[in-house]
Amino acid sequence: MKSKLSITEFRNTLNENTKIGSQIFKMNLGIFSVFFPKSKYFYGKFDQSTFQLTINYNFNSAYYILKGNYKNNFDNKLKVNYSIEPMSKIRIIGLKYFPLIVFFGLNIFFYFKKMPTEVFIPFNLLIIFAILHSRWHLKKDLKNLESKFIEIFKIIE
């Protein structure tokens, strides 16, 4: 990928839009984040040729990290290579499959306890909603990280 920015503009944009810190040790302030608004869109670290960025959330933590490097090409164009990886693969797997485990577990429990339909249907609908929401949220977070990176750093093919 290439960027419309020069290498100095790219570094300045990194500096302006990134709160410096390690993604592993980032503390979320939870409800107190209302009093501490975020000032920069990305959170992470970078140096003269590499970067590791994630979205600077105040209330919850990020699921994905954007890792990459940048350098000047021979034709004075900035070449940017990046990849998006999960922060923790176990956490992503848990978010995807835990609602399914709960769905089957509760259905087995309801079956053996001979629960009435008035209890059975609302719980199943709630769990199906949780399954769909968790998968949608993961896809939205991934797409949001990449689209904001492309928009802010003016990445072109």
N, C-alpha and C. Protein backbone atom coordinates (compact mmCIF):
# COMPACT_ATOMS: atom_id res chain seq x y z
N MET A 1 0.83 -1.17 0.00
CA MET A 1 0.00 0.00 0.00
C MET A 1 0.88 1.25 0.00
N LYS A 2 0.35 2.30 -0.54
CA LYS A 2 1.06 3.57 -0.56
C LYS A 2 0.22 4.63 0.13
N SER A 3 0.89 5.66 0.60
CA SER A 3 0.22 6.77 1.25
C SER A 3 0.44 8.03 0.44
N LYS A 4 -0.54 8.93 0.47
CA LYS A 4 -0.40 10.21 -0.20
C LYS A 4 0.52 11.15 0.59
N LEU A 5 0.77 10.81 1.85
CA LEU A 5 1.60 11.65 2.71
C LEU A 5 3.08 11.38 2.48
N SER A 6 3.90 12.37 2.76
CA SER A 6 5.34 12.15 2.76
C SER A 6 5.71 11.50 4.08
N ILE A 7 6.95 11.07 4.22
CA ILE A 7 7.36 10.37 5.44
C ILE A 7 7.30 11.30 6.66
N THR A 8 7.63 12.56 6.50
CA THR A 8 7.54 13.48 7.65
C THR A 8 6.09 13.78 8.00
N GLU A 9 5.23 13.92 6.99
CA GLU A 9 3.81 14.13 7.26
C GLU A 9 3.21 12.89 7.93
N PHE A 10 3.64 11.71 7.50
CA PHE A 10 3.15 10.46 8.09
C PHE A 10 3.55 10.40 9.57
N ARG A 11 4.79 10.72 9.88
CA ARG A 11 5.25 10.71 11.27
C ARG A 11 4.52 11.76 12.10
N ASN A 12 4.30 12.92 11.53
CA ASN A 12 3.55 13.97 12.25
C ASN A 12 2.11 13.54 12.50
N THR A 13 1.51 12.90 11.52
CA THR A 13 0.14 12.40 11.68
C THR A 13 0.08 11.31 12.74
N LEU A 14 1.08 10.43 12.74
CA LEU A 14 1.17 9.42 13.80
C LEU A 14 1.26 10.09 15.17
N ASN A 15 2.10 11.09 15.28
CA ASN A 15 2.30 11.78 16.54
C ASN A 15 1.04 12.51 16.99
N GLU A 16 0.32 13.13 16.06
CA GLU A 16 -0.89 13.89 16.39
C GLU A 16 -2.07 13.01 16.76
N ASN A 17 -2.15 11.81 16.20
CA ASN A 17 -3.33 10.97 16.38
C ASN A 17 -3.12 9.77 17.28
N THR A 18 -1.93 9.64 17.90
CA THR A 18 -1.64 8.46 18.70
C THR A 18 -1.27 8.85 20.12
N LYS A 19 -1.97 8.27 21.07
CA LYS A 19 -1.58 8.39 22.47
C LYS A 19 -0.57 7.28 22.73
N ILE A 20 0.60 7.64 23.22
CA ILE A 20 1.70 6.70 23.38
C ILE A 20 1.45 5.81 24.60
N GLY A 21 1.68 4.51 24.41
CA GLY A 21 1.56 3.55 25.50
C GLY A 21 1.51 2.14 24.96
N SER A 22 1.66 1.19 25.87
CA SER A 22 1.59 -0.22 25.49
C SER A 22 0.14 -0.70 25.56
N GLN A 23 -0.31 -1.37 24.51
CA GLN A 23 -1.68 -1.83 24.45
C GLN A 23 -1.98 -2.88 25.51
N ILE A 24 -0.97 -3.62 25.91
CA ILE A 24 -1.16 -4.69 26.87
C ILE A 24 -1.50 -4.13 28.25
N PHE A 25 -0.88 -3.00 28.61
CA PHE A 25 -1.05 -2.45 29.94
C PHE A 25 -2.04 -1.30 30.01
N LYS A 26 -2.82 -1.07 28.96
CA LYS A 26 -3.77 0.05 28.95
C LYS A 26 -4.90 -0.22 29.94
N MET A 27 -5.11 0.74 30.83
CA MET A 27 -6.21 0.64 31.79
C MET A 27 -7.41 1.42 31.27
N ASN A 28 -8.55 0.81 31.33
CA ASN A 28 -9.79 1.49 30.97
C ASN A 28 -10.40 2.04 32.24
N LEU A 29 -10.90 3.25 32.15
CA LEU A 29 -11.43 3.92 33.33
C LEU A 29 -12.89 3.59 33.59
N GLY A 30 -13.53 2.86 32.70
CA GLY A 30 -14.92 2.47 32.90
C GLY A 30 -15.83 3.68 32.97
N ILE A 31 -16.65 3.73 33.99
CA ILE A 31 -17.64 4.79 34.14
C ILE A 31 -16.98 6.15 34.34
N PHE A 32 -15.75 6.17 34.87
CA PHE A 32 -15.05 7.43 35.10
C PHE A 32 -14.51 8.04 33.81
N SER A 33 -14.61 7.33 32.69
CA SER A 33 -14.11 7.86 31.42
C SER A 33 -14.93 9.05 30.95
N VAL A 34 -16.10 9.26 31.54
CA VAL A 34 -16.90 10.43 31.20
C VAL A 34 -16.14 11.70 31.57
N PHE A 35 -15.35 11.64 32.64
CA PHE A 35 -14.61 12.80 33.11
C PHE A 35 -13.27 12.97 32.41
N PHE A 36 -12.80 11.96 31.69
CA PHE A 36 -11.52 12.02 31.00
C PHE A 36 -11.72 11.69 29.52
N PRO A 37 -12.15 12.66 28.73
CA PRO A 37 -12.40 12.36 27.32
C PRO A 37 -11.10 12.05 26.58
N LYS A 38 -11.22 11.19 25.58
CA LYS A 38 -10.03 10.84 24.80
C LYS A 38 -9.68 11.99 23.87
N SER A 39 -8.41 12.21 23.72
CA SER A 39 -7.96 13.32 22.89
C SER A 39 -7.42 12.84 21.54
N LYS A 40 -6.97 11.60 21.47
CA LYS A 40 -6.39 11.07 20.24
C LYS A 40 -7.10 9.78 19.85
N TYR A 41 -7.19 9.52 18.55
CA TYR A 41 -7.98 8.40 18.07
C TYR A 41 -7.29 7.05 18.28
N PHE A 42 -5.98 7.00 18.10
CA PHE A 42 -5.26 5.73 18.23
C PHE A 42 -4.50 5.67 19.54
N TYR A 43 -4.21 4.47 19.96
CA TYR A 43 -3.41 4.21 21.16
C TYR A 43 -2.35 3.20 20.76
N GLY A 44 -1.10 3.45 21.11
CA GLY A 44 -0.07 2.49 20.75
C GLY A 44 1.31 3.08 20.80
N LYS A 45 2.19 2.48 20.04
CA LYS A 45 3.57 2.95 20.00
C LYS A 45 4.08 2.90 18.57
N PHE A 46 5.08 3.73 18.30
CA PHE A 46 5.67 3.79 16.97
C PHE A 46 7.09 4.32 17.09
N ASP A 47 7.86 4.06 16.06
CA ASP A 47 9.21 4.61 15.98
C ASP A 47 9.45 5.12 14.56
N GLN A 48 10.69 5.15 14.14
CA GLN A 48 11.03 5.74 12.84
C GLN A 48 10.58 4.91 11.64
N SER A 49 10.24 3.63 11.85
CA SER A 49 9.84 2.82 10.70
C SER A 49 8.70 1.84 10.99
N THR A 50 8.30 1.65 12.25
CA THR A 50 7.24 0.70 12.58
C THR A 50 6.19 1.36 13.47
N PHE A 51 5.03 0.72 13.52
CA PHE A 51 3.96 1.20 14.39
C PHE A 51 3.10 0.02 14.84
N GLN A 52 2.49 0.17 16.01
CA GLN A 52 1.51 -0.77 16.55
C GLN A 52 0.39 0.08 17.13
N LEU A 53 -0.77 0.05 16.51
CA LEU A 53 -1.86 0.92 16.90
C LEU A 53 -3.13 0.13 17.18
N THR A 54 -3.94 0.67 18.05
CA THR A 54 -5.28 0.17 18.28
C THR A 54 -6.16 1.39 18.52
N ILE A 55 -7.46 1.20 18.55
CA ILE A 55 -8.36 2.33 18.79
C ILE A 55 -8.27 2.71 20.26
N ASN A 56 -8.25 3.99 20.52
CA ASN A 56 -8.14 4.51 21.88
C ASN A 56 -9.52 4.58 22.52
N TYR A 57 -9.98 3.43 23.03
CA TYR A 57 -11.27 3.38 23.70
C TYR A 57 -11.11 3.83 25.15
N ASN A 58 -12.12 4.53 25.65
CA ASN A 58 -12.12 4.89 27.07
C ASN A 58 -12.86 3.87 27.91
N PHE A 59 -13.97 3.37 27.40
CA PHE A 59 -14.85 2.55 28.22
C PHE A 59 -14.55 1.06 28.14
N ASN A 60 -14.23 0.57 26.97
CA ASN A 60 -13.90 -0.86 26.83
C ASN A 60 -12.55 -1.00 26.14
N SER A 61 -12.08 -2.20 26.05
CA SER A 61 -10.77 -2.42 25.45
C SER A 61 -10.92 -2.87 24.00
N ALA A 62 -9.86 -2.69 23.25
CA ALA A 62 -9.87 -3.03 21.83
C ALA A 62 -9.66 -4.53 21.64
N TYR A 63 -10.14 -5.04 20.52
CA TYR A 63 -9.99 -6.46 20.20
C TYR A 63 -8.87 -6.70 19.20
N TYR A 64 -8.54 -5.69 18.40
CA TYR A 64 -7.58 -5.86 17.33
C TYR A 64 -6.46 -4.83 17.44
N ILE A 65 -5.30 -5.21 16.91
CA ILE A 65 -4.14 -4.32 16.87
C ILE A 65 -3.66 -4.25 15.42
N LEU A 66 -3.30 -3.05 15.01
CA LEU A 66 -2.81 -2.82 13.66
C LEU A 66 -1.29 -2.67 13.74
N LYS A 67 -0.57 -3.61 13.14
CA LYS A 67 0.90 -3.59 13.16
C LYS A 67 1.40 -3.34 11.75
N GLY A 68 2.46 -2.56 11.65
CA GLY A 68 2.98 -2.31 10.33
C GLY A 68 4.29 -1.56 10.34
N ASN A 69 4.76 -1.29 9.12
CA ASN A 69 5.97 -0.50 8.96
C ASN A 69 5.79 0.41 7.75
N TYR A 70 6.66 1.41 7.68
CA TYR A 70 6.60 2.36 6.58
C TYR A 70 8.01 2.78 6.19
N LYS A 71 8.17 3.07 4.90
CA LYS A 71 9.48 3.53 4.41
C LYS A 71 9.28 4.24 3.09
N ASN A 72 10.26 5.06 2.75
CA ASN A 72 10.25 5.76 1.47
C ASN A 72 10.62 4.79 0.36
N ASN A 73 9.91 4.85 -0.72
CA ASN A 73 10.20 4.04 -1.89
C ASN A 73 11.24 4.76 -2.76
N PHE A 74 11.73 4.09 -3.77
CA PHE A 74 12.73 4.70 -4.64
C PHE A 74 12.17 5.89 -5.41
N ASP A 75 10.86 5.94 -5.65
CA ASP A 75 10.26 7.05 -6.38
C ASP A 75 9.69 8.11 -5.43
N ASN A 76 10.22 8.15 -4.20
CA ASN A 76 9.86 9.12 -3.17
C ASN A 76 8.39 9.02 -2.75
N LYS A 77 7.81 7.86 -2.88
CA LYS A 77 6.46 7.58 -2.39
C LYS A 77 6.59 6.77 -1.10
N LEU A 78 5.69 7.01 -0.18
CA LEU A 78 5.73 6.31 1.10
C LEU A 78 5.03 4.96 0.97
N LYS A 79 5.74 3.89 1.25
CA LYS A 79 5.18 2.55 1.19
C LYS A 79 4.82 2.12 2.61
N VAL A 80 3.57 1.70 2.80
CA VAL A 80 3.07 1.30 4.12
C VAL A 80 2.60 -0.14 4.03
N ASN A 81 3.17 -1.00 4.87
CA ASN A 81 2.73 -2.38 5.00
C ASN A 81 2.12 -2.54 6.38
N TYR A 82 0.92 -3.09 6.44
CA TYR A 82 0.29 -3.29 7.75
C TYR A 82 -0.55 -4.56 7.74
N SER A 83 -0.80 -5.05 8.94
CA SER A 83 -1.71 -6.18 9.12
C SER A 83 -2.49 -5.95 10.40
N ILE A 84 -3.68 -6.50 10.44
CA ILE A 84 -4.54 -6.37 11.62
C ILE A 84 -4.63 -7.74 12.26
N GLU A 85 -4.27 -7.80 13.54
CA GLU A 85 -4.24 -9.06 14.28
C GLU A 85 -5.07 -8.92 15.55
N PRO A 86 -5.60 -10.03 16.05
CA PRO A 86 -6.31 -9.97 17.32
C PRO A 86 -5.34 -9.69 18.47
N MET A 87 -5.81 -8.92 19.45
CA MET A 87 -4.98 -8.67 20.64
C MET A 87 -4.75 -9.99 21.38
N SER A 88 -5.82 -10.77 21.51
CA SER A 88 -5.73 -12.07 22.16
C SER A 88 -6.65 -13.03 21.40
N LYS A 89 -6.09 -14.08 20.86
CA LYS A 89 -6.89 -15.04 20.10
C LYS A 89 -7.89 -15.76 21.00
N ILE A 90 -7.51 -16.00 22.23
CA ILE A 90 -8.41 -16.68 23.17
C ILE A 90 -9.64 -15.82 23.44
N ARG A 91 -9.44 -14.51 23.55
CA ARG A 91 -10.56 -13.59 23.80
C ARG A 91 -11.51 -13.55 22.60
N ILE A 92 -10.97 -13.54 21.40
CA ILE A 92 -11.81 -13.53 20.19
C ILE A 92 -12.61 -14.83 20.10
N ILE A 93 -11.96 -15.95 20.36
CA ILE A 93 -12.65 -17.24 20.33
C ILE A 93 -13.74 -17.27 21.38
N GLY A 94 -13.45 -16.75 22.56
CA GLY A 94 -14.45 -16.71 23.63
C GLY A 94 -15.65 -15.87 23.26
N LEU A 95 -15.41 -14.72 22.65
CA LEU A 95 -16.52 -13.86 22.25
C LEU A 95 -17.36 -14.48 21.15
N LYS A 96 -16.73 -15.28 20.30
CA LYS A 96 -17.48 -15.91 19.21
C LYS A 96 -18.27 -17.12 19.68
N TYR A 97 -17.67 -17.95 20.54
CA TYR A 97 -18.27 -19.25 20.81
C TYR A 97 -18.90 -19.40 22.19
N PHE A 98 -18.62 -18.51 23.14
CA PHE A 98 -19.23 -18.63 24.46
C PHE A 98 -20.76 -18.53 24.41
N PRO A 99 -21.34 -17.59 23.63
CA PRO A 99 -22.81 -17.57 23.55
C PRO A 99 -23.40 -18.87 22.99
N LEU A 100 -22.69 -19.53 22.07
CA LEU A 100 -23.19 -20.82 21.56
C LEU A 100 -23.18 -21.90 22.65
N ILE A 101 -22.13 -21.90 23.46
CA ILE A 101 -22.05 -22.87 24.56
C ILE A 101 -23.17 -22.62 25.55
N VAL A 102 -23.43 -21.35 25.86
CA VAL A 102 -24.52 -21.01 26.78
C VAL A 102 -25.86 -21.41 26.17
N PHE A 103 -26.03 -21.19 24.88
CA PHE A 103 -27.27 -21.55 24.21
C PHE A 103 -27.56 -23.05 24.36
N PHE A 104 -26.58 -23.88 24.03
CA PHE A 104 -26.80 -25.33 24.13
C PHE A 104 -26.92 -25.78 25.59
N GLY A 105 -26.14 -25.20 26.46
CA GLY A 105 -26.21 -25.56 27.87
C GLY A 105 -27.56 -25.24 28.49
N LEU A 106 -28.08 -24.05 28.22
CA LEU A 106 -29.39 -23.69 28.77
C LEU A 106 -30.52 -24.52 28.15
N ASN A 107 -30.39 -24.83 26.86
CA ASN A 107 -31.43 -25.66 26.24
C ASN A 107 -31.45 -27.07 26.84
N ILE A 108 -30.30 -27.62 27.13
CA ILE A 108 -30.25 -28.93 27.79
C ILE A 108 -30.83 -28.83 29.18
N PHE A 109 -30.48 -27.77 29.92
CA PHE A 109 -31.01 -27.56 31.26
C PHE A 109 -32.54 -27.42 31.22
N PHE A 110 -33.06 -26.59 30.31
CA PHE A 110 -34.50 -26.40 30.19
C PHE A 110 -35.21 -27.69 29.79
N TYR A 111 -34.58 -28.49 28.96
CA TYR A 111 -35.19 -29.74 28.52
C TYR A 111 -35.35 -30.72 29.69
N PHE A 112 -34.32 -30.87 30.50
CA PHE A 112 -34.38 -31.83 31.60
C PHE A 112 -35.21 -31.30 32.77
N LYS A 113 -35.33 -30.02 32.93
CA LYS A 113 -36.14 -29.45 34.02
C LYS A 113 -37.60 -29.27 33.60
N LYS A 114 -37.93 -29.59 32.37
CA LYS A 114 -39.29 -29.47 31.84
C LYS A 114 -39.85 -28.05 32.05
N MET A 115 -39.06 -27.06 31.60
CA MET A 115 -39.45 -25.66 31.73
C MET A 115 -40.61 -25.35 30.78
N PRO A 116 -41.49 -24.43 31.19
CA PRO A 116 -42.59 -24.04 30.30
C PRO A 116 -42.06 -23.20 29.13
N THR A 117 -42.85 -23.13 28.09
CA THR A 117 -42.47 -22.42 26.88
C THR A 117 -42.29 -20.92 27.14
N GLU A 118 -43.03 -20.37 28.12
CA GLU A 118 -42.93 -18.95 28.44
C GLU A 118 -41.53 -18.58 28.95
N VAL A 119 -40.81 -19.52 29.50
CA VAL A 119 -39.45 -19.28 29.95
C VAL A 119 -38.46 -19.63 28.84
N PHE A 120 -38.73 -20.70 28.15
CA PHE A 120 -37.84 -21.24 27.13
C PHE A 120 -37.61 -20.27 25.97
N ILE A 121 -38.67 -19.72 25.41
CA ILE A 121 -38.56 -18.86 24.22
C ILE A 121 -37.83 -17.55 24.51
N PRO A 122 -38.15 -16.80 25.56
CA PRO A 122 -37.42 -15.54 25.79
C PRO A 122 -35.92 -15.74 26.03
N PHE A 123 -35.55 -16.79 26.76
CA PHE A 123 -34.12 -17.04 26.99
C PHE A 123 -33.41 -17.40 25.69
N ASN A 124 -34.03 -18.20 24.87
CA ASN A 124 -33.41 -18.54 23.57
C ASN A 124 -33.28 -17.32 22.67
N LEU A 125 -34.30 -16.48 22.65
CA LEU A 125 -34.21 -15.26 21.84
C LEU A 125 -33.10 -14.34 22.34
N LEU A 126 -32.97 -14.22 23.63
CA LEU A 126 -31.92 -13.39 24.21
C LEU A 126 -30.53 -13.92 23.87
N ILE A 127 -30.36 -15.22 23.93
CA ILE A 127 -29.06 -15.81 23.63
C ILE A 127 -28.75 -15.71 22.14
N ILE A 128 -29.75 -15.89 21.29
CA ILE A 128 -29.54 -15.74 19.85
C ILE A 128 -29.15 -14.30 19.53
N PHE A 129 -29.78 -13.34 20.20
CA PHE A 129 -29.39 -11.94 20.03
C PHE A 129 -27.94 -11.72 20.46
N ALA A 130 -27.52 -12.33 21.58
CA ALA A 130 -26.14 -12.19 22.05
C ALA A 130 -25.15 -12.79 21.05
N ILE A 131 -25.51 -13.91 20.45
CA ILE A 131 -24.64 -14.54 19.44
C ILE A 131 -24.47 -13.62 18.24
N LEU A 132 -25.56 -13.09 17.73
CA LEU A 132 -25.49 -12.21 16.56
C LEU A 132 -24.77 -10.91 16.89
N HIS A 133 -25.03 -10.36 18.07
CA HIS A 133 -24.40 -9.10 18.45
C HIS A 133 -22.89 -9.25 18.62
N SER A 134 -22.44 -10.33 19.23
CA SER A 134 -21.01 -10.50 19.46
C SER A 134 -20.25 -10.63 18.13
N ARG A 135 -20.80 -11.35 17.20
CA ARG A 135 -20.14 -11.49 15.90
C ARG A 135 -20.17 -10.18 15.11
N TRP A 136 -21.29 -9.47 15.17
CA TRP A 136 -21.40 -8.19 14.48
C TRP A 136 -20.42 -7.18 15.08
N HIS A 137 -20.30 -7.16 16.40
CA HIS A 137 -19.42 -6.21 17.08
C HIS A 137 -17.95 -6.46 16.72
N LEU A 138 -17.54 -7.71 16.63
CA LEU A 138 -16.16 -8.01 16.24
C LEU A 138 -15.87 -7.55 14.81
N LYS A 139 -16.79 -7.80 13.90
CA LYS A 139 -16.60 -7.37 12.51
C LYS A 139 -16.58 -5.85 12.41
N LYS A 140 -17.45 -5.18 13.16
CA LYS A 140 -17.51 -3.73 13.14
C LYS A 140 -16.23 -3.12 13.69
N ASP A 141 -15.68 -3.69 14.75
CA ASP A 141 -14.46 -3.18 15.35
C ASP A 141 -13.28 -3.32 14.38
N LEU A 142 -13.19 -4.45 13.70
CA LEU A 142 -12.13 -4.68 12.71
C LEU A 142 -12.24 -3.69 11.55
N LYS A 143 -13.44 -3.53 11.03
CA LYS A 143 -13.66 -2.63 9.91
C LYS A 143 -13.41 -1.18 10.31
N ASN A 144 -13.81 -0.81 11.52
CA ASN A 144 -13.63 0.55 12.00
C ASN A 144 -12.15 0.90 12.14
N LEU A 145 -11.35 -0.02 12.68
CA LEU A 145 -9.92 0.22 12.83
C LEU A 145 -9.25 0.43 11.47
N GLU A 146 -9.53 -0.43 10.53
CA GLU A 146 -8.90 -0.31 9.22
C GLU A 146 -9.38 0.92 8.46
N SER A 147 -10.66 1.21 8.50
CA SER A 147 -11.16 2.37 7.75
C SER A 147 -10.64 3.68 8.31
N LYS A 148 -10.54 3.81 9.63
CA LYS A 148 -9.99 5.02 10.22
C LYS A 148 -8.51 5.18 9.91
N PHE A 149 -7.78 4.07 9.92
CA PHE A 149 -6.36 4.12 9.56
C PHE A 149 -6.19 4.59 8.12
N ILE A 150 -6.96 4.03 7.21
CA ILE A 150 -6.88 4.40 5.79
C ILE A 150 -7.28 5.86 5.60
N GLU A 151 -8.30 6.30 6.34
CA GLU A 151 -8.77 7.67 6.20
C GLU A 151 -7.76 8.68 6.76
N ILE A 152 -7.26 8.45 7.94
CA ILE A 152 -6.36 9.40 8.61
C ILE A 152 -5.00 9.47 7.92
N PHE A 153 -4.48 8.32 7.51
CA PHE A 153 -3.13 8.29 6.92
C PHE A 153 -3.16 8.30 5.39
N LYS A 154 -4.33 8.50 4.81
CA LYS A 154 -4.48 8.66 3.35
C LYS A 154 -3.81 7.53 2.57
N ILE A 155 -4.20 6.31 2.89
CA ILE A 155 -3.65 5.11 2.25
C ILE A 155 -4.38 4.89 0.92
N ILE A 156 -3.59 4.62 -0.12
CA ILE A 156 -4.15 4.29 -1.43
C ILE A 156 -3.53 2.96 -1.88
N GLU A 157 -4.11 2.37 -2.88
CA GLU A 157 -3.60 1.08 -3.38
C GLU A 157 -2.26 1.24 -4.05
